[in-house]
PDB file of all heavy atoms in Angstrom:
ATOM      1  N   THR A   1     -20.015  65.248 104.745  1.00  0.00           N
ATOM      2  CA  THR A   1     -21.019  64.166 104.704  1.00  0.00           C
ATOM      3  C   THR A   1     -22.406  64.744 104.843  1.00  0.00           C
ATOM      4  O   THR A   1     -23.301  64.348 104.182  1.00  0.00           O
ATOM      5  CB  THR A   1     -20.741  63.167 105.778  1.00  0.00           C
ATOM      6  OG1 THR A   1     -19.447  62.629 105.687  1.00  0.00           O
ATOM      7  CG2 THR A   1     -21.725  62.031 105.692  1.00  0.00           C
ATOM      8  N   LEU A   2     -22.578  65.738 105.766  1.00  0.00           N
ATOM      9  CA  LEU A   2     -23.856  66.335 106.037  1.00  0.00           C
ATOM     10  C   LEU A   2     -24.271  67.050 104.783  1.00  0.00           C
ATOM     11  O   LEU A   2     -25.512  66.932 104.383  1.00  0.00           O
ATOM     12  CB  LEU A   2     -23.788  67.318 107.217  1.00  0.00           C
ATOM     13  CG  LEU A   2     -25.039  68.085 107.559  1.00  0.00           C
ATOM     14  CD1 LEU A   2     -26.110  67.082 107.931  1.00  0.00           C
ATOM     15  CD2 LEU A   2     -24.816  69.088 108.591  1.00  0.00           C
ATOM     16  N   VAL A   3     -23.387  67.815 104.132  1.00  0.00           N
ATOM     17  CA  VAL A   3     -23.750  68.500 102.902  1.00  0.00           C
ATOM     18  C   VAL A   3     -24.212  67.573 101.837  1.00  0.00           C
ATOM     19  O   VAL A   3     -25.191  67.790 101.102  1.00  0.00           O
ATOM     20  CB  VAL A   3     -22.658  69.317 102.431  1.00  0.00           C
ATOM     21  CG1 VAL A   3     -22.872  69.997 101.049  1.00  0.00           C
ATOM     22  CG2 VAL A   3     -22.340  70.503 103.465  1.00  0.00           C
ATOM     23  N   LEU A   4     -23.435  66.457 101.634  1.00  0.00           N
ATOM     24  CA  LEU A   4     -23.819  65.529 100.487  1.00  0.00           C
ATOM     25  C   LEU A   4     -25.193  64.811 100.761  1.00  0.00           C
ATOM     26  O   LEU A   4     -25.901  64.724  99.881  1.00  0.00           O
ATOM     27  CB  LEU A   4     -22.699  64.457 100.383  1.00  0.00           C
ATOM     28  CG  LEU A   4     -21.439  64.805  99.741  1.00  0.00           C
ATOM     29  CD1 LEU A   4     -20.355  63.798  99.856  1.00  0.00           C
ATOM     30  CD2 LEU A   4     -21.576  65.260  98.318  1.00  0.00           C
ATOM     31  N   VAL A   5     -25.373  64.426 102.088  1.00  0.00           N
ATOM     32  CA  VAL A   5     -26.668  63.836 102.400  1.00  0.00           C
ATOM     33  C   VAL A   5     -27.829  64.906 102.139  1.00  0.00           C
ATOM     34  O   VAL A   5     -28.845  64.570 101.538  1.00  0.00           O
ATOM     35  CB  VAL A   5     -26.685  63.344 103.871  1.00  0.00           C
ATOM     36  CG1 VAL A   5     -28.150  62.927 104.151  1.00  0.00           C
ATOM     37  CG2 VAL A   5     -25.852  62.184 103.897  1.00  0.00           C
ATOM     38  N   GLY A   6     -27.618  66.099 102.643  1.00  0.00           N
ATOM     39  CA  GLY A   6     -28.692  67.092 102.485  1.00  0.00           C
ATOM     40  C   GLY A   6     -28.922  67.463 100.995  1.00  0.00           C
ATOM     41  O   GLY A   6     -30.094  67.661 100.546  1.00  0.00           O
ATOM     42  N   LEU A   7     -27.845  67.459 100.190  1.00  0.00           N
ATOM     43  CA  LEU A   7     -27.986  67.806  98.770  1.00  0.00           C
ATOM     44  C   LEU A   7     -28.747  66.659  98.013  1.00  0.00           C
ATOM     45  O   LEU A   7     -29.679  66.886  97.252  1.00  0.00           O
ATOM     46  CB  LEU A   7     -26.501  67.920  98.203  1.00  0.00           C
ATOM     47  CG  LEU A   7     -26.420  68.344  96.672  1.00  0.00           C
ATOM     48  CD1 LEU A   7     -27.151  69.770  96.523  1.00  0.00           C
ATOM     49  CD2 LEU A   7     -25.051  68.345  96.218  1.00  0.00           C
ATOM     50  N   GLY A   8     -28.429  65.429  98.441  1.00  0.00           N
ATOM     51  CA  GLY A   8     -29.074  64.320  97.836  1.00  0.00           C
ATOM     52  C   GLY A   8     -30.560  64.264  98.192  1.00  0.00           C
ATOM     53  O   GLY A   8     -31.511  64.094  97.275  1.00  0.00           O
ATOM     54  N   VAL A   9     -30.983  64.600  99.361  1.00  0.00           N
ATOM     55  CA  VAL A   9     -32.330  64.628  99.821  1.00  0.00           C
ATOM     56  C   VAL A   9     -33.084  65.687  99.169  1.00  0.00           C
ATOM     57  O   VAL A   9     -34.216  65.580  98.625  1.00  0.00           O
ATOM     58  CB  VAL A   9     -32.390  64.763 101.341  1.00  0.00           C
ATOM     59  CG1 VAL A   9     -33.855  65.099 101.738  1.00  0.00           C
ATOM     60  CG2 VAL A   9     -31.928  63.578 102.061  1.00  0.00           C
ATOM     61  N   ALA A  10     -32.447  66.955  99.063  1.00  0.00           N
ATOM     62  CA  ALA A  10     -33.018  68.114  98.474  1.00  0.00           C
ATOM     63  C   ALA A  10     -33.406  67.887  96.918  1.00  0.00           C
ATOM     64  O   ALA A  10     -34.514  68.115  96.441  1.00  0.00           O
ATOM     65  CB  ALA A  10     -32.221  69.326  98.620  1.00  0.00           C
ATOM     66  N   LEU A  11     -32.373  67.302  96.236  1.00  0.00           N
ATOM     67  CA  LEU A  11     -32.533  67.059  94.812  1.00  0.00           C
ATOM     68  C   LEU A  11     -33.551  65.945  94.500  1.00  0.00           C
ATOM     69  O   LEU A  11     -34.310  66.021  93.659  1.00  0.00           O
ATOM     70  CB  LEU A  11     -31.190  66.672  94.187  1.00  0.00           C
ATOM     71  CG  LEU A  11     -30.162  67.737  94.139  1.00  0.00           C
ATOM     72  CD1 LEU A  11     -28.786  67.195  93.535  1.00  0.00           C
ATOM     73  CD2 LEU A  11     -30.579  68.935  93.384  1.00  0.00           C
ATOM     74  N   THR A  12     -33.537  64.926  95.357  1.00  0.00           N
ATOM     75  CA  THR A  12     -34.639  63.888  95.244  1.00  0.00           C
ATOM     76  C   THR A  12     -36.011  64.428  95.498  1.00  0.00           C
ATOM     77  O   THR A  12     -36.894  64.041  94.819  1.00  0.00           O
ATOM     78  CB  THR A  12     -34.273  62.780  96.268  1.00  0.00           C
ATOM     79  OG1 THR A  12     -32.903  62.201  96.071  1.00  0.00           O
ATOM     80  CG2 THR A  12     -35.317  61.586  96.040  1.00  0.00           C
ATOM     81  N   TYR A  13     -36.126  65.345  96.541  1.00  0.00           N
ATOM     82  CA  TYR A  13     -37.484  65.900  96.845  1.00  0.00           C
ATOM     83  C   TYR A  13     -37.959  66.670  95.797  1.00  0.00           C
ATOM     84  O   TYR A  13     -39.174  66.698  95.387  1.00  0.00           O
ATOM     85  CB  TYR A  13     -37.355  66.775  98.113  1.00  0.00           C
ATOM     86  CG  TYR A  13     -38.611  67.379  98.460  1.00  0.00           C
ATOM     87  CD1 TYR A  13     -39.644  66.705  99.088  1.00  0.00           C
ATOM     88  CD2 TYR A  13     -38.814  68.787  98.175  1.00  0.00           C
ATOM     89  CE1 TYR A  13     -40.797  67.351  99.447  1.00  0.00           C
ATOM     90  CE2 TYR A  13     -39.941  69.393  98.516  1.00  0.00           C
ATOM     91  CZ  TYR A  13     -40.956  68.738  99.200  1.00  0.00           C
ATOM     92  OH  TYR A  13     -42.152  69.342  99.538  1.00  0.00           O
ATOM     93  N   LEU A  14     -37.118  67.428  94.981  1.00  0.00           N
ATOM     94  CA  LEU A  14     -37.486  68.282  93.969  1.00  0.00           C
ATOM     95  C   LEU A  14     -37.750  67.426  92.572  1.00  0.00           C
ATOM     96  O   LEU A  14     -38.102  68.023  91.562  1.00  0.00           O
ATOM     97  CB  LEU A  14     -36.469  69.413  93.656  1.00  0.00           C
ATOM     98  CG  LEU A  14     -36.276  70.409  94.762  1.00  0.00           C
ATOM     99  CD1 LEU A  14     -35.119  71.307  94.415  1.00  0.00           C
ATOM    100  CD2 LEU A  14     -37.571  71.183  94.788  1.00  0.00           C
ATOM    101  N   GLY A  15     -37.438  66.119  92.617  1.00  0.00           N
ATOM    102  CA  GLY A  15     -37.574  65.365  91.450  1.00  0.00           C
ATOM    103  C   GLY A  15     -36.461  65.539  90.404  1.00  0.00           C
ATOM    104  O   GLY A  15     -36.544  65.042  89.309  1.00  0.00           O
ATOM    105  N   VAL A  16     -35.313  66.224  90.883  1.00  0.00           N
ATOM    106  CA  VAL A  16     -34.238  66.403  89.982  1.00  0.00           C
ATOM    107  C   VAL A  16     -33.620  65.051  89.606  1.00  0.00           C
ATOM    108  O   VAL A  16     -33.247  64.974  88.353  1.00  0.00           O
ATOM    109  CB  VAL A  16     -33.258  67.296  90.719  1.00  0.00           C
ATOM    110  CG1 VAL A  16     -31.903  67.415  89.824  1.00  0.00           C
ATOM    111  CG2 VAL A  16     -33.700  68.741  90.851  1.00  0.00           C
ATOM    112  N   MET A  17     -33.406  64.240  90.473  1.00  0.00           N
ATOM    113  CA  MET A  17     -32.676  62.974  90.097  1.00  0.00           C
ATOM    114  C   MET A  17     -33.539  62.129  89.134  1.00  0.00           C
ATOM    115  O   MET A  17     -33.032  61.584  88.124  1.00  0.00           O
ATOM    116  CB  MET A  17     -32.380  62.181  91.309  1.00  0.00           C
ATOM    117  CG  MET A  17     -31.512  62.959  92.394  1.00  0.00           C
ATOM    118  SD  MET A  17     -30.017  63.692  91.608  1.00  0.00           S
ATOM    119  CE  MET A  17     -29.079  62.263  91.209  1.00  0.00           C
ATOM    120  N   ARG A  18     -34.805  62.075  89.420  1.00  0.00           N
ATOM    121  CA  ARG A  18     -35.710  61.327  88.495  1.00  0.00           C
ATOM    122  C   ARG A  18     -35.740  61.889  87.091  1.00  0.00           C
ATOM    123  O   ARG A  18     -35.632  61.147  86.052  1.00  0.00           O
ATOM    124  CB  ARG A  18     -37.063  61.284  89.055  1.00  0.00           C
ATOM    125  CG  ARG A  18     -38.135  60.598  88.163  1.00  0.00           C
ATOM    126  CD  ARG A  18     -39.536  60.531  88.839  1.00  0.00           C
ATOM    127  NE  ARG A  18     -39.971  61.853  89.384  1.00  0.00           N
ATOM    128  CZ  ARG A  18     -40.579  62.795  88.619  1.00  0.00           C
ATOM    129  NH1 ARG A  18     -40.630  62.569  87.321  1.00  0.00           N
ATOM    130  NH2 ARG A  18     -40.822  63.953  89.116  1.00  0.00           N
ATOM    131  N   ASN A  19     -35.835  63.255  86.992  1.00  0.00           N
ATOM    132  CA  ASN A  19     -35.956  63.946  85.644  1.00  0.00           C
ATOM    133  C   ASN A  19     -34.624  63.712  85.038  1.00  0.00           C
ATOM    134  O   ASN A  19     -34.570  63.579  83.743  1.00  0.00           O
ATOM    135  CB  ASN A  19     -36.185  65.421  85.883  1.00  0.00           C
ATOM    136  CG  ASN A  19     -37.687  65.617  86.351  1.00  0.00           C
ATOM    137  OD1 ASN A  19     -38.479  64.762  86.149  1.00  0.00           O
ATOM    138  ND2 ASN A  19     -37.859  66.781  87.023  1.00  0.00           N
ATOM    139  N   ALA A  20     -33.494  63.877  85.675  1.00  0.00           N
ATOM    140  CA  ALA A  20     -32.224  63.635  85.081  1.00  0.00           C
ATOM    141  C   ALA A  20     -31.926  62.300  84.579  1.00  0.00           C
ATOM    142  O   ALA A  20     -31.464  62.093  83.460  1.00  0.00           O
ATOM    143  CB  ALA A  20     -31.053  64.090  86.193  1.00  0.00           C
ATOM    144  N   THR A  21     -32.492  61.317  85.315  1.00  0.00           N
ATOM    145  CA  THR A  21     -32.296  59.963  84.881  1.00  0.00           C
ATOM    146  C   THR A  21     -33.170  59.742  83.525  1.00  0.00           C
ATOM    147  O   THR A  21     -32.636  59.051  82.515  1.00  0.00           O
ATOM    148  CB  THR A  21     -32.938  58.948  85.907  1.00  0.00           C
ATOM    149  OG1 THR A  21     -32.162  59.206  87.116  1.00  0.00           O
ATOM    150  CG2 THR A  21     -32.736  57.546  85.409  1.00  0.00           C
ATOM    151  N   VAL A  22     -34.365  60.280  83.511  1.00  0.00           N
ATOM    152  CA  VAL A  22     -35.169  60.172  82.281  1.00  0.00           C
ATOM    153  C   VAL A  22     -34.486  60.795  81.060  1.00  0.00           C
ATOM    154  O   VAL A  22     -34.389  60.196  80.005  1.00  0.00           O
ATOM    155  CB  VAL A  22     -36.575  60.919  82.541  1.00  0.00           C
ATOM    156  CG1 VAL A  22     -37.392  60.916  81.192  1.00  0.00           C
ATOM    157  CG2 VAL A  22     -37.314  60.041  83.543  1.00  0.00           C
ATOM    158  N   GLU A  23     -33.915  62.040  81.292  1.00  0.00           N
ATOM    159  CA  GLU A  23     -33.273  62.643  80.240  1.00  0.00           C
ATOM    160  C   GLU A  23     -32.099  61.942  79.718  1.00  0.00           C
ATOM    161  O   GLU A  23     -31.738  61.827  78.545  1.00  0.00           O
ATOM    162  CB  GLU A  23     -32.884  64.184  80.645  1.00  0.00           C
ATOM    163  CG  GLU A  23     -34.053  64.998  80.770  1.00  0.00           C
ATOM    164  CD  GLU A  23     -33.695  66.334  81.424  1.00  0.00           C
ATOM    165  OE1 GLU A  23     -32.763  66.438  82.119  1.00  0.00           O
ATOM    166  OE2 GLU A  23     -34.301  67.367  81.039  1.00  0.00           O
ATOM    167  N   TYR A  24     -31.286  61.346  80.693  1.00  0.00           N
ATOM    168  CA  TYR A  24     -30.099  60.553  80.321  1.00  0.00           C
ATOM    169  C   TYR A  24     -30.501  59.411  79.487  1.00  0.00           C
ATOM    170  O   TYR A  24     -29.757  59.104  78.434  1.00  0.00           O
ATOM    171  CB  TYR A  24     -29.393  60.133  81.592  1.00  0.00           C
ATOM    172  CG  TYR A  24     -28.086  59.324  81.230  1.00  0.00           C
ATOM    173  CD1 TYR A  24     -26.939  60.056  80.775  1.00  0.00           C
ATOM    174  CD2 TYR A  24     -28.131  58.005  81.331  1.00  0.00           C
ATOM    175  CE1 TYR A  24     -25.796  59.223  80.483  1.00  0.00           C
ATOM    176  CE2 TYR A  24     -26.973  57.282  81.069  1.00  0.00           C
ATOM    177  CZ  TYR A  24     -25.832  57.875  80.645  1.00  0.00           C
ATOM    178  OH  TYR A  24     -24.703  57.176  80.349  1.00  0.00           O
ATOM    179  N   GLU A  25     -31.591  58.702  79.921  1.00  0.00           N
ATOM    180  CA  GLU A  25     -32.019  57.497  79.140  1.00  0.00           C
ATOM    181  C   GLU A  25     -32.445  57.818  77.703  1.00  0.00           C
ATOM    182  O   GLU A  25     -32.278  57.115  76.838  1.00  0.00           O
ATOM    183  CB  GLU A  25     -33.142  56.799  79.880  1.00  0.00           C
ATOM    184  CG  GLU A  25     -32.673  56.158  81.292  1.00  0.00           C
ATOM    185  CD  GLU A  25     -33.885  55.617  82.044  1.00  0.00           C
ATOM    186  OE1 GLU A  25     -35.010  55.877  81.666  1.00  0.00           O
ATOM    187  OE2 GLU A  25     -33.600  54.926  83.031  1.00  0.00           O
ATOM    188  N   VAL A  26     -33.049  58.989  77.592  1.00  0.00           N
ATOM    189  CA  VAL A  26     -33.566  59.340  76.230  1.00  0.00           C
ATOM    190  C   VAL A  26     -32.407  59.944  75.356  1.00  0.00           C
ATOM    191  O   VAL A  26     -32.368  59.610  74.174  1.00  0.00           O
ATOM    192  CB  VAL A  26     -34.682  60.478  76.462  1.00  0.00           C
ATOM    193  CG1 VAL A  26     -35.137  60.871  74.978  1.00  0.00           C
ATOM    194  CG2 VAL A  26     -35.887  59.881  77.158  1.00  0.00           C
ATOM    195  N   PHE A  27     -31.571  60.726  75.945  1.00  0.00           N
ATOM    196  CA  PHE A  27     -30.587  61.481  75.163  1.00  0.00           C
ATOM    197  C   PHE A  27     -29.104  61.029  75.425  1.00  0.00           C
ATOM    198  O   PHE A  27     -28.344  61.440  74.542  1.00  0.00           O
ATOM    199  CB  PHE A  27     -30.703  63.002  75.475  1.00  0.00           C
ATOM    200  CG  PHE A  27     -32.064  63.589  75.064  1.00  0.00           C
ATOM    201  CD1 PHE A  27     -32.982  63.758  75.971  1.00  0.00           C
ATOM    202  CD2 PHE A  27     -32.198  64.019  73.766  1.00  0.00           C
ATOM    203  CE1 PHE A  27     -34.260  64.262  75.817  1.00  0.00           C
ATOM    204  CE2 PHE A  27     -33.427  64.601  73.440  1.00  0.00           C
ATOM    205  CZ  PHE A  27     -34.451  64.754  74.384  1.00  0.00           C
ATOM    206  N   GLY A  28     -28.935  60.280  76.391  1.00  0.00           N
ATOM    207  CA  GLY A  28     -27.549  60.002  76.742  1.00  0.00           C
ATOM    208  C   GLY A  28     -26.938  58.829  76.141  1.00  0.00           C
ATOM    209  O   GLY A  28     -26.379  57.974  76.847  1.00  0.00           O
ATOM    210  N   ASN A  29     -26.967  58.549  74.856  1.00  0.00           N
ATOM    211  CA  ASN A  29     -26.396  57.462  74.248  1.00  0.00           C
ATOM    212  C   ASN A  29     -25.577  58.028  72.910  1.00  0.00           C
ATOM    213  O   ASN A  29     -25.902  59.095  72.383  1.00  0.00           O
ATOM    214  CB  ASN A  29     -27.287  56.415  73.731  1.00  0.00           C
ATOM    215  CG  ASN A  29     -28.364  56.886  72.746  1.00  0.00           C
ATOM    216  OD1 ASN A  29     -28.010  57.125  71.608  1.00  0.00           O
ATOM    217  ND2 ASN A  29     -29.539  57.216  73.277  1.00  0.00           N
ATOM    218  N   LEU A  30     -24.518  57.362  72.621  1.00  0.00           N
ATOM    219  CA  LEU A  30     -23.599  57.812  71.528  1.00  0.00           C
ATOM    220  C   LEU A  30     -24.321  57.891  70.189  1.00  0.00           C
ATOM    221  O   LEU A  30     -23.926  58.735  69.426  1.00  0.00           O
ATOM    222  CB  LEU A  30     -22.338  56.854  71.437  1.00  0.00           C
ATOM    223  CG  LEU A  30     -21.379  56.921  72.568  1.00  0.00           C
ATOM    224  CD1 LEU A  30     -20.237  55.979  72.508  1.00  0.00           C
ATOM    225  CD2 LEU A  30     -20.838  58.397  72.793  1.00  0.00           C
ATOM    226  N   SER A  31     -25.208  57.014  69.910  1.00  0.00           N
ATOM    227  CA  SER A  31     -25.986  57.114  68.641  1.00  0.00           C
ATOM    228  C   SER A  31     -26.703  58.405  68.456  1.00  0.00           C
ATOM    229  O   SER A  31     -26.744  59.105  67.479  1.00  0.00           O
ATOM    230  CB  SER A  31     -26.929  55.919  68.472  1.00  0.00           C
ATOM    231  OG  SER A  31     -26.175  54.727  68.525  1.00  0.00           O
ATOM    232  N   ARG A  32     -27.282  58.811  69.604  1.00  0.00           N
ATOM    233  CA  ARG A  32     -28.045  60.066  69.502  1.00  0.00           C
ATOM    234  C   ARG A  32     -27.046  61.263  69.557  1.00  0.00           C
ATOM    235  O   ARG A  32     -27.310  62.221  68.826  1.00  0.00           O
ATOM    236  CB  ARG A  32     -28.834  60.197  70.874  1.00  0.00           C
ATOM    237  CG  ARG A  32     -29.674  61.504  70.945  1.00  0.00           C
ATOM    238  CD  ARG A  32     -31.133  61.224  70.916  1.00  0.00           C
ATOM    239  NE  ARG A  32     -31.837  62.552  70.899  1.00  0.00           N
ATOM    240  CZ  ARG A  32     -33.240  62.511  70.758  1.00  0.00           C
ATOM    241  NH1 ARG A  32     -33.872  61.335  70.768  1.00  0.00           N
ATOM    242  NH2 ARG A  32     -33.869  63.642  70.735  1.00  0.00           N
ATOM    243  N   VAL A  33     -25.973  61.177  70.180  1.00  0.00           N
ATOM    244  CA  VAL A  33     -24.909  62.193  70.064  1.00  0.00           C
ATOM    245  C   VAL A  33     -24.409  62.339  68.645  1.00  0.00           C
ATOM    246  O   VAL A  33     -24.222  63.391  68.130  1.00  0.00           O
ATOM    247  CB  VAL A  33     -23.799  61.808  70.990  1.00  0.00           C
ATOM    248  CG1 VAL A  33     -22.564  62.803  70.724  1.00  0.00           C
ATOM    249  CG2 VAL A  33     -24.140  61.983  72.534  1.00  0.00           C
ATOM    250  N   GLN A  34     -24.228  61.176  67.980  1.00  0.00           N
ATOM    251  CA  GLN A  34     -23.765  61.127  66.602  1.00  0.00           C
ATOM    252  C   GLN A  34     -24.791  61.803  65.678  1.00  0.00           C
ATOM    253  O   GLN A  34     -24.435  62.643  64.790  1.00  0.00           O
ATOM    254  CB  GLN A  34     -23.527  59.727  66.014  1.00  0.00           C
ATOM    255  CG  GLN A  34     -23.268  59.584  64.513  1.00  0.00           C
ATOM    256  CD  GLN A  34     -22.083  60.288  64.148  1.00  0.00           C
ATOM    257  OE1 GLN A  34     -21.193  60.701  64.913  1.00  0.00           O
ATOM    258  NE2 GLN A  34     -21.877  60.405  62.818  1.00  0.00           N
ATOM    259  N   SER A  35     -26.068  61.568  65.872  1.00  0.00           N
ATOM    260  CA  SER A  35     -27.118  62.273  65.035  1.00  0.00           C
ATOM    261  C   SER A  35     -27.104  63.755  65.274  1.00  0.00           C
ATOM    262  O   SER A  35     -27.197  64.499  64.303  1.00  0.00           O
ATOM    263  CB  SER A  35     -28.455  61.623  65.417  1.00  0.00           C
ATOM    264  OG  SER A  35     -29.496  62.167  64.753  1.00  0.00           O
ATOM    265  N   SER A  36     -27.107  64.139  66.518  1.00  0.00           N
ATOM    266  CA  SER A  36     -26.999  65.591  66.863  1.00  0.00           C
ATOM    267  C   SER A  36     -25.829  66.246  66.229  1.00  0.00           C
ATOM    268  O   SER A  36     -25.877  67.446  65.725  1.00  0.00           O
ATOM    269  CB  SER A  36     -27.054  65.931  68.304  1.00  0.00           C
ATOM    270  OG  SER A  36     -28.294  65.296  68.890  1.00  0.00           O
ATOM    271  N   ARG A  37     -24.732  65.608  66.326  1.00  0.00           N
ATOM    272  CA  ARG A  37     -23.460  66.152  65.822  1.00  0.00           C
ATOM    273  C   ARG A  37     -23.437  66.338  64.349  1.00  0.00           C
ATOM    274  O   ARG A  37     -22.972  67.413  63.865  1.00  0.00           O
ATOM    275  CB  ARG A  37     -22.242  65.165  66.258  1.00  0.00           C
ATOM    276  CG  ARG A  37     -20.951  65.809  65.935  1.00  0.00           C
ATOM    277  CD  ARG A  37     -19.790  64.820  66.157  1.00  0.00           C
ATOM    278  NE  ARG A  37     -18.520  65.494  65.960  1.00  0.00           N
ATOM    279  CZ  ARG A  37     -17.996  65.606  64.748  1.00  0.00           C
ATOM    280  NH1 ARG A  37     -18.682  65.111  63.662  1.00  0.00           N
ATOM    281  NH2 ARG A  37     -16.819  66.180  64.470  1.00  0.00           N
ATOM    282  N   MET A  38     -24.018  65.382  63.697  1.00  0.00           N
ATOM    283  CA  MET A  38     -24.099  65.448  62.127  1.00  0.00           C
ATOM    284  C   MET A  38     -24.997  66.673  61.797  1.00  0.00           C
ATOM    285  O   MET A  38     -24.808  67.282  60.815  1.00  0.00           O
ATOM    286  CB  MET A  38     -24.610  64.134  61.551  1.00  0.00           C
ATOM    287  CG  MET A  38     -23.514  63.085  61.630  1.00  0.00           C
ATOM    288  SD  MET A  38     -21.866  63.439  61.029  1.00  0.00           S
ATOM    289  CE  MET A  38     -22.303  63.753  59.325  1.00  0.00           C
TER     290      MET A  38
END
């Protein structure tokens, strides 16, 4: 539990979760996957 909490705090502090969310919203849909695959 301590590790998971510490990991979440560290990633949030570095902006990792925010950046990951932005990237997922931009690239993480099947239509975009289909375009890249083709």
